[in-house]
Amino acid sequence: MADHGQVEYATAQGNNLPAHVAMYDRFVHLILVGGAHVANIVLGLAIGAVAGHWLLAFAIFVIATIVAAHGFLSGARLPSVIMVMLSLIALALASGG
């Protein structure tokens, strides 16, 4: 049977909690900024295909890509979220409702 003694993480080899936390933070940042970028692309496609405003859709693609690149390089998350909100407002205005 396995020994069920007390596990001591402080003395374990390879236990690098700060590195794990930093990697988790980078992963969450990647998911948030990447997910916001995908949402912007989908909203741009909706504006172009449903409302027929392809120039506005192209502008959203370009601006969203710049915002996502800025977010990936600088670590900023808020501009990506704001860009999704602006894309939603553009979709509402372009659809006429």
N, C-alpha and C. Protein backbone atom coordinates (compact mmCIF):
# COMPACT_ATOMS: atom_id res chain seq x y z
N MET A 1 0.85 -1.17 0.00
CA MET A 1 0.00 0.00 0.00
C MET A 1 0.89 1.24 0.00
N ALA A 2 0.36 2.30 -0.49
CA ALA A 2 1.10 3.55 -0.57
C ALA A 2 1.21 4.18 0.81
N ASP A 3 2.31 4.86 1.01
CA ASP A 3 2.52 5.56 2.27
C ASP A 3 1.75 6.88 2.22
N HIS A 4 0.90 7.11 3.18
CA HIS A 4 0.07 8.31 3.22
C HIS A 4 0.60 9.30 4.26
N GLY A 5 1.88 9.52 4.23
CA GLY A 5 2.47 10.46 5.17
C GLY A 5 2.23 11.90 4.74
N GLN A 6 2.73 12.81 5.51
CA GLN A 6 2.58 14.24 5.26
C GLN A 6 3.44 14.64 4.06
N VAL A 7 2.87 15.33 3.09
CA VAL A 7 3.61 15.80 1.92
C VAL A 7 4.20 17.16 2.25
N GLU A 8 5.50 17.28 2.02
CA GLU A 8 6.17 18.55 2.32
C GLU A 8 6.56 19.21 1.00
N TYR A 9 5.80 20.23 0.63
CA TYR A 9 6.04 20.90 -0.65
C TYR A 9 7.26 21.81 -0.60
N ALA A 10 7.60 22.29 0.56
CA ALA A 10 8.73 23.22 0.67
C ALA A 10 10.05 22.53 0.35
N THR A 11 10.13 21.25 0.59
CA THR A 11 11.38 20.54 0.34
C THR A 11 11.34 19.70 -0.92
N ALA A 12 10.22 19.71 -1.64
CA ALA A 12 10.10 18.90 -2.84
C ALA A 12 10.96 19.48 -3.96
N GLN A 13 11.53 18.60 -4.76
CA GLN A 13 12.34 19.04 -5.89
C GLN A 13 11.43 19.48 -7.03
N GLY A 14 11.73 20.59 -7.66
CA GLY A 14 10.98 21.04 -8.81
C GLY A 14 9.70 21.78 -8.46
N ASN A 15 9.50 22.16 -7.23
CA ASN A 15 8.31 22.89 -6.84
C ASN A 15 8.60 24.38 -6.96
N ASN A 16 8.15 24.99 -8.05
CA ASN A 16 8.42 26.39 -8.31
C ASN A 16 7.09 27.11 -8.47
N LEU A 17 6.46 27.42 -7.35
CA LEU A 17 5.14 28.02 -7.37
C LEU A 17 5.11 29.37 -8.09
N PRO A 18 6.09 30.27 -7.90
CA PRO A 18 6.03 31.54 -8.65
C PRO A 18 6.04 31.35 -10.17
N ALA A 19 6.76 30.36 -10.66
CA ALA A 19 6.77 30.09 -12.10
C ALA A 19 5.41 29.56 -12.56
N HIS A 20 4.77 28.74 -11.75
CA HIS A 20 3.45 28.23 -12.09
C HIS A 20 2.41 29.35 -12.11
N VAL A 21 2.48 30.24 -11.14
CA VAL A 21 1.54 31.36 -11.07
C VAL A 21 1.75 32.30 -12.26
N ALA A 22 3.00 32.55 -12.62
CA ALA A 22 3.29 33.43 -13.76
C ALA A 22 2.78 32.80 -15.06
N MET A 23 2.94 31.50 -15.21
CA MET A 23 2.46 30.82 -16.41
C MET A 23 0.94 30.85 -16.48
N TYR A 24 0.29 30.67 -15.34
CA TYR A 24 -1.17 30.74 -15.29
C TYR A 24 -1.66 32.14 -15.68
N ASP A 25 -1.00 33.17 -15.18
CA ASP A 25 -1.37 34.54 -15.53
C ASP A 25 -1.19 34.80 -17.03
N ARG A 26 -0.11 34.30 -17.61
CA ARG A 26 0.08 34.45 -19.06
C ARG A 26 -0.99 33.70 -19.84
N PHE A 27 -1.37 32.52 -19.36
CA PHE A 27 -2.41 31.73 -20.03
C PHE A 27 -3.75 32.46 -19.99
N VAL A 28 -4.11 32.99 -18.83
CA VAL A 28 -5.37 33.72 -18.70
C VAL A 28 -5.36 34.95 -19.61
N HIS A 29 -4.22 35.63 -19.68
CA HIS A 29 -4.10 36.80 -20.54
C HIS A 29 -4.26 36.40 -22.02
N LEU A 30 -3.64 35.32 -22.42
CA LEU A 30 -3.75 34.83 -23.79
C LEU A 30 -5.19 34.49 -24.13
N ILE A 31 -5.89 33.82 -23.23
CA ILE A 31 -7.27 33.44 -23.46
C ILE A 31 -8.16 34.67 -23.55
N LEU A 32 -7.96 35.65 -22.68
CA LEU A 32 -8.81 36.83 -22.69
C LEU A 32 -8.59 37.66 -23.95
N VAL A 33 -7.35 37.98 -24.27
CA VAL A 33 -7.07 38.81 -25.44
C VAL A 33 -7.39 38.05 -26.73
N GLY A 34 -7.03 36.78 -26.80
CA GLY A 34 -7.33 35.99 -27.99
C GLY A 34 -8.82 35.78 -28.17
N GLY A 35 -9.53 35.53 -27.09
CA GLY A 35 -10.99 35.38 -27.18
C GLY A 35 -11.68 36.66 -27.60
N ALA A 36 -11.19 37.79 -27.08
CA ALA A 36 -11.75 39.08 -27.49
C ALA A 36 -11.49 39.33 -28.97
N HIS A 37 -10.32 38.93 -29.45
CA HIS A 37 -10.00 39.13 -30.87
C HIS A 37 -10.91 38.26 -31.75
N VAL A 38 -11.13 37.04 -31.35
CA VAL A 38 -12.03 36.16 -32.10
C VAL A 38 -13.45 36.73 -32.09
N ALA A 39 -13.88 37.25 -30.94
CA ALA A 39 -15.21 37.85 -30.86
C ALA A 39 -15.32 39.05 -31.79
N ASN A 40 -14.26 39.86 -31.87
CA ASN A 40 -14.27 41.00 -32.78
C ASN A 40 -14.35 40.55 -34.24
N ILE A 41 -13.65 39.49 -34.58
CA ILE A 41 -13.71 38.98 -35.95
C ILE A 41 -15.13 38.49 -36.28
N VAL A 42 -15.73 37.77 -35.35
CA VAL A 42 -17.09 37.27 -35.57
C VAL A 42 -18.07 38.43 -35.69
N LEU A 43 -17.92 39.45 -34.85
CA LEU A 43 -18.80 40.61 -34.94
C LEU A 43 -18.58 41.36 -36.26
N GLY A 44 -17.34 41.45 -36.70
CA GLY A 44 -17.06 42.08 -37.99
C GLY A 44 -17.70 41.31 -39.14
N LEU A 45 -17.63 39.99 -39.08
CA LEU A 45 -18.28 39.18 -40.10
C LEU A 45 -19.80 39.35 -40.07
N ALA A 46 -20.34 39.49 -38.88
CA ALA A 46 -21.79 39.72 -38.77
C ALA A 46 -22.16 41.07 -39.37
N ILE A 47 -21.35 42.08 -39.11
CA ILE A 47 -21.63 43.41 -39.68
C ILE A 47 -21.55 43.35 -41.21
N GLY A 48 -20.55 42.66 -41.73
CA GLY A 48 -20.40 42.59 -43.18
C GLY A 48 -21.45 41.73 -43.85
N ALA A 49 -21.70 40.56 -43.32
CA ALA A 49 -22.59 39.62 -43.98
C ALA A 49 -24.06 39.95 -43.76
N VAL A 50 -24.42 40.29 -42.54
CA VAL A 50 -25.83 40.52 -42.24
C VAL A 50 -26.25 41.93 -42.64
N ALA A 51 -25.46 42.92 -42.24
CA ALA A 51 -25.84 44.30 -42.50
C ALA A 51 -25.32 44.80 -43.85
N GLY A 52 -24.33 44.12 -44.43
CA GLY A 52 -23.80 44.52 -45.72
C GLY A 52 -22.80 45.66 -45.68
N HIS A 53 -22.29 45.98 -44.51
CA HIS A 53 -21.33 47.07 -44.35
C HIS A 53 -19.91 46.50 -44.27
N TRP A 54 -19.37 46.10 -45.42
CA TRP A 54 -18.07 45.44 -45.44
C TRP A 54 -16.92 46.39 -45.15
N LEU A 55 -17.06 47.68 -45.46
CA LEU A 55 -15.99 48.63 -45.15
C LEU A 55 -15.87 48.79 -43.64
N LEU A 56 -16.99 48.88 -42.95
CA LEU A 56 -16.98 48.94 -41.49
C LEU A 56 -16.42 47.65 -40.91
N ALA A 57 -16.78 46.52 -41.50
CA ALA A 57 -16.27 45.23 -41.04
C ALA A 57 -14.75 45.16 -41.19
N PHE A 58 -14.25 45.64 -42.34
CA PHE A 58 -12.80 45.64 -42.55
C PHE A 58 -12.10 46.54 -41.54
N ALA A 59 -12.70 47.69 -41.25
CA ALA A 59 -12.12 48.59 -40.24
C ALA A 59 -12.07 47.91 -38.88
N ILE A 60 -13.10 47.17 -38.54
CA ILE A 60 -13.09 46.44 -37.26
C ILE A 60 -12.02 45.37 -37.26
N PHE A 61 -11.84 44.66 -38.37
CA PHE A 61 -10.78 43.65 -38.46
C PHE A 61 -9.41 44.26 -38.21
N VAL A 62 -9.15 45.39 -38.87
CA VAL A 62 -7.83 46.02 -38.76
C VAL A 62 -7.60 46.57 -37.35
N ILE A 63 -8.57 47.30 -36.83
CA ILE A 63 -8.41 47.90 -35.50
C ILE A 63 -8.33 46.82 -34.43
N ALA A 64 -9.14 45.78 -34.54
CA ALA A 64 -9.12 44.69 -33.56
C ALA A 64 -7.78 43.96 -33.58
N THR A 65 -7.20 43.80 -34.76
CA THR A 65 -5.90 43.14 -34.84
C THR A 65 -4.81 44.00 -34.20
N ILE A 66 -4.87 45.30 -34.42
CA ILE A 66 -3.90 46.20 -33.78
C ILE A 66 -4.07 46.19 -32.26
N VAL A 67 -5.31 46.22 -31.80
CA VAL A 67 -5.57 46.20 -30.35
C VAL A 67 -5.11 44.87 -29.75
N ALA A 68 -5.34 43.76 -30.43
CA ALA A 68 -4.91 42.46 -29.92
C ALA A 68 -3.39 42.36 -29.88
N ALA A 69 -2.73 42.85 -30.92
CA ALA A 69 -1.26 42.83 -30.91
C ALA A 69 -0.72 43.69 -29.78
N HIS A 70 -1.34 44.84 -29.56
CA HIS A 70 -0.93 45.69 -28.43
C HIS A 70 -1.14 44.97 -27.11
N GLY A 71 -2.28 44.29 -26.98
CA GLY A 71 -2.56 43.57 -25.75
C GLY A 71 -1.60 42.43 -25.50
N PHE A 72 -1.24 41.69 -26.57
CA PHE A 72 -0.28 40.59 -26.40
C PHE A 72 1.09 41.10 -26.02
N LEU A 73 1.50 42.21 -26.61
CA LEU A 73 2.86 42.71 -26.37
C LEU A 73 2.99 43.48 -25.06
N SER A 74 1.96 44.21 -24.68
CA SER A 74 2.08 45.06 -23.49
C SER A 74 1.49 44.44 -22.23
N GLY A 75 0.64 43.45 -22.38
CA GLY A 75 0.01 42.85 -21.22
C GLY A 75 -1.30 43.52 -20.84
N ALA A 76 -1.78 44.45 -21.66
CA ALA A 76 -3.02 45.16 -21.37
C ALA A 76 -4.22 44.32 -21.79
N ARG A 77 -5.23 44.28 -20.94
CA ARG A 77 -6.43 43.51 -21.23
C ARG A 77 -7.62 44.42 -21.53
N LEU A 78 -7.68 45.57 -20.92
CA LEU A 78 -8.83 46.45 -21.04
C LEU A 78 -9.09 46.92 -22.47
N PRO A 79 -8.07 47.27 -23.27
CA PRO A 79 -8.38 47.68 -24.64
C PRO A 79 -9.09 46.61 -25.46
N SER A 80 -8.79 45.35 -25.22
CA SER A 80 -9.47 44.27 -25.95
C SER A 80 -10.94 44.20 -25.57
N VAL A 81 -11.22 44.38 -24.31
CA VAL A 81 -12.61 44.35 -23.84
C VAL A 81 -13.36 45.55 -24.40
N ILE A 82 -12.73 46.71 -24.40
CA ILE A 82 -13.36 47.92 -24.95
C ILE A 82 -13.62 47.75 -26.44
N MET A 83 -12.71 47.11 -27.15
CA MET A 83 -12.90 46.90 -28.58
C MET A 83 -14.10 45.99 -28.85
N VAL A 84 -14.33 44.99 -28.02
CA VAL A 84 -15.51 44.13 -28.18
C VAL A 84 -16.77 44.96 -27.97
N MET A 85 -16.76 45.84 -26.98
CA MET A 85 -17.93 46.70 -26.74
C MET A 85 -18.18 47.62 -27.93
N LEU A 86 -17.11 48.19 -28.49
CA LEU A 86 -17.27 49.05 -29.66
C LEU A 86 -17.79 48.27 -30.87
N SER A 87 -17.34 47.04 -31.02
CA SER A 87 -17.83 46.20 -32.12
C SER A 87 -19.30 45.88 -31.94
N LEU A 88 -19.72 45.64 -30.70
CA LEU A 88 -21.14 45.39 -30.44
C LEU A 88 -21.98 46.63 -30.75
N ILE A 89 -21.47 47.80 -30.38
CA ILE A 89 -22.19 49.05 -30.68
C ILE A 89 -22.25 49.25 -32.20
N ALA A 90 -21.14 48.98 -32.89
CA ALA A 90 -21.14 49.11 -34.35
C ALA A 90 -22.14 48.15 -34.99
N LEU A 91 -22.23 46.93 -34.47
CA LEU A 91 -23.21 45.98 -34.99
C LEU A 91 -24.63 46.47 -34.77
N ALA A 92 -24.90 47.03 -33.61
CA ALA A 92 -26.25 47.55 -33.31
C ALA A 92 -26.59 48.71 -34.23
N LEU A 93 -25.64 49.60 -34.45
CA LEU A 93 -25.90 50.75 -35.31
C LEU A 93 -26.00 50.36 -36.78
N ALA A 94 -25.17 49.40 -37.21
CA ALA A 94 -25.18 48.98 -38.61
C ALA A 94 -26.42 48.18 -38.96
N SER A 95 -26.97 47.48 -37.99
CA SER A 95 -28.14 46.66 -38.29
C SER A 95 -29.43 47.48 -38.27
N GLY A 96 -29.31 48.73 -37.86
CA GLY A 96 -30.48 49.62 -37.90
C GLY A 96 -31.40 49.47 -36.71
N GLY A 97 -30.93 48.84 -35.67
CA GLY A 97 -31.83 48.64 -34.54
C GLY A 97 -31.22 49.07 -33.30
